[in-house]
Amino acid sequence: MIDCRNVFEAILKYGHDEDFRPAESNNFTPTNAAAGSVEKIEVLRKRVERGVPLWHAEDRFDYSGLTGAIRPRE
């Protein structure tokens, strides 16, 4: 995309992904990473790169069992 000056030129050159349909594969596994965490964002990034769905039915959906750092008030 170095030759493209804007998004319209990129679409003309490389096409678009409006018809993209993610496909599950052997490397599409659930994650226990908490929503919004660096780990979860990395998992989502890798899923996009592999072309699999973003959301797995068995991904963590809550924060139960997690502990957070407690900082004393100043």
C-alpha atoms as a PDB file:
ATOM      1  CA  MET A   1       0.000   0.000   0.000  1.00  0.00           C
ATOM      2  CA  ILE A   2       3.016   2.266  -0.220  1.00  0.00           C
ATOM      3  CA  ASP A   3       1.908   3.379  -3.698  1.00  0.00           C
ATOM      4  CA  CYS A   4      -1.605   4.302  -2.536  1.00  0.00           C
ATOM      5  CA  ARG A   5      -2.311   7.911  -1.644  1.00  0.00           C
ATOM      6  CA  ASN A   6      -5.701   7.267  -0.014  1.00  0.00           C
ATOM      7  CA  VAL A   7      -8.134   4.535   0.957  1.00  0.00           C
ATOM      8  CA  PHE A   8      -9.948   4.687  -2.373  1.00  0.00           C
ATOM      9  CA  GLU A   9      -6.777   3.925  -4.307  1.00  0.00           C
ATOM     10  CA  ALA A  10      -6.038   1.065  -1.911  1.00  0.00           C
ATOM     11  CA  ILE A  11      -9.484  -0.428  -2.539  1.00  0.00           C
ATOM     12  CA  LEU A  12      -9.028  -0.143  -6.281  1.00  0.00           C
ATOM     13  CA  LYS A  13      -5.612  -1.791  -6.071  1.00  0.00           C
ATOM     14  CA  TYR A  14      -6.226  -4.494  -3.441  1.00  0.00           C
ATOM     15  CA  GLY A  15     -10.019  -4.875  -3.301  1.00  0.00           C
ATOM     16  CA  HIS A  16     -12.191  -4.740  -0.210  1.00  0.00           C
ATOM     17  CA  ASP A  17     -13.192  -7.136   2.533  1.00  0.00           C
ATOM     18  CA  GLU A  18     -16.961  -6.571   2.617  1.00  0.00           C
ATOM     19  CA  ASP A  19     -17.521 -10.209   1.676  1.00  0.00           C
ATOM     20  CA  PHE A  20     -14.996 -11.606   4.174  1.00  0.00           C
ATOM     21  CA  ARG A  21     -16.332 -14.559   6.158  1.00  0.00           C
ATOM     22  CA  PRO A  22     -14.082 -15.750   9.009  1.00  0.00           C
ATOM     23  CA  ALA A  23     -13.592 -19.518   9.214  1.00  0.00           C
ATOM     24  CA  GLU A  24     -12.904 -21.545  12.332  1.00  0.00           C
ATOM     25  CA  SER A  25      -9.781 -23.701  12.233  1.00  0.00           C
ATOM     26  CA  ASN A  26      -7.685 -25.853  14.553  1.00  0.00           C
ATOM     27  CA  ASN A  27      -5.913 -22.792  15.957  1.00  0.00           C
ATOM     28  CA  PHE A  28      -9.213 -21.107  16.943  1.00  0.00           C
ATOM     29  CA  THR A  29      -9.173 -21.734  20.684  1.00  0.00           C
ATOM     30  CA  PRO A  30     -10.852 -19.912  23.581  1.00  0.00           C
ATOM     31  CA  THR A  31      -8.993 -17.507  25.839  1.00  0.00           C
ATOM     32  CA  ASN A  32      -9.262 -16.937  29.566  1.00  0.00           C
ATOM     33  CA  ALA A  33      -7.916 -13.379  29.269  1.00  0.00           C
ATOM     34  CA  ALA A  34     -10.081 -10.685  30.834  1.00  0.00           C
ATOM     35  CA  ALA A  35     -11.933  -8.239  28.607  1.00  0.00           C
ATOM     36  CA  GLY A  36      -9.888  -5.118  27.924  1.00  0.00           C
ATOM     37  CA  SER A  37      -6.624  -6.662  29.085  1.00  0.00           C
ATOM     38  CA  VAL A  38      -3.449  -6.476  27.036  1.00  0.00           C
ATOM     39  CA  GLU A  39      -3.590 -10.268  26.721  1.00  0.00           C
ATOM     40  CA  LYS A  40      -7.156 -10.238  25.333  1.00  0.00           C
ATOM     41  CA  ILE A  41      -6.345  -7.492  22.839  1.00  0.00           C
ATOM     42  CA  GLU A  42      -3.344  -9.510  21.641  1.00  0.00           C
ATOM     43  CA  VAL A  43      -5.536 -12.606  21.216  1.00  0.00           C
ATOM     44  CA  LEU A  44      -8.046 -10.574  19.178  1.00  0.00           C
ATOM     45  CA  ARG A  45      -5.233  -9.124  17.037  1.00  0.00           C
ATOM     46  CA  LYS A  46      -3.905 -12.592  16.272  1.00  0.00           C
ATOM     47  CA  ARG A  47      -7.404 -13.847  15.428  1.00  0.00           C
ATOM     48  CA  VAL A  48      -7.812 -11.054  12.881  1.00  0.00           C
ATOM     49  CA  GLU A  49      -4.435 -11.894  11.331  1.00  0.00           C
ATOM     50  CA  ARG A  50      -5.392 -15.578  11.024  1.00  0.00           C
ATOM     51  CA  GLY A  51      -8.826 -14.788   9.591  1.00  0.00           C
ATOM     52  CA  VAL A  52     -10.790 -16.560  12.314  1.00  0.00           C
ATOM     53  CA  PRO A  53     -13.812 -15.106  14.156  1.00  0.00           C
ATOM     54  CA  LEU A  54     -13.048 -12.526  16.847  1.00  0.00           C
ATOM     55  CA  TRP A  55     -15.262 -14.093  19.491  1.00  0.00           C
ATOM     56  CA  HIS A  56     -15.078 -17.714  20.652  1.00  0.00           C
ATOM     57  CA  ALA A  57     -18.147 -19.137  22.414  1.00  0.00           C
ATOM     58  CA  GLU A  58     -15.923 -20.267  25.306  1.00  0.00           C
ATOM     59  CA  ASP A  59     -13.975 -17.020  25.818  1.00  0.00           C
ATOM     60  CA  ARG A  60     -14.057 -15.553  29.321  1.00  0.00           C
ATOM     61  CA  PHE A  61     -17.129 -13.345  29.635  1.00  0.00           C
ATOM     62  CA  ASP A  62     -16.842 -12.116  33.227  1.00  0.00           C
ATOM     63  CA  TYR A  63     -14.291 -11.075  35.830  1.00  0.00           C
ATOM     64  CA  SER A  64     -15.011 -13.777  38.421  1.00  0.00           C
ATOM     65  CA  GLY A  65     -11.952 -15.207  40.105  1.00  0.00           C
ATOM     66  CA  LEU A  66      -9.708 -12.315  39.084  1.00  0.00           C
ATOM     67  CA  THR A  67      -7.893 -10.123  41.567  1.00  0.00           C
ATOM     68  CA  GLY A  68      -6.643  -6.638  40.981  1.00  0.00           C
ATOM     69  CA  ALA A  69      -3.829  -4.642  42.446  1.00  0.00           C
ATOM     70  CA  ILE A  70      -4.849  -2.505  45.407  1.00  0.00           C
ATOM     71  CA  ARG A  71      -3.004   0.746  45.892  1.00  0.00           C
ATOM     72  CA  PRO A  72      -3.295   2.629  49.178  1.00  0.00           C
ATOM     73  CA  ARG A  73      -4.790   6.099  48.999  1.00  0.00           C
ATOM     74  CA  GLU A  74      -2.348   8.937  49.240  1.00  0.00           C
END
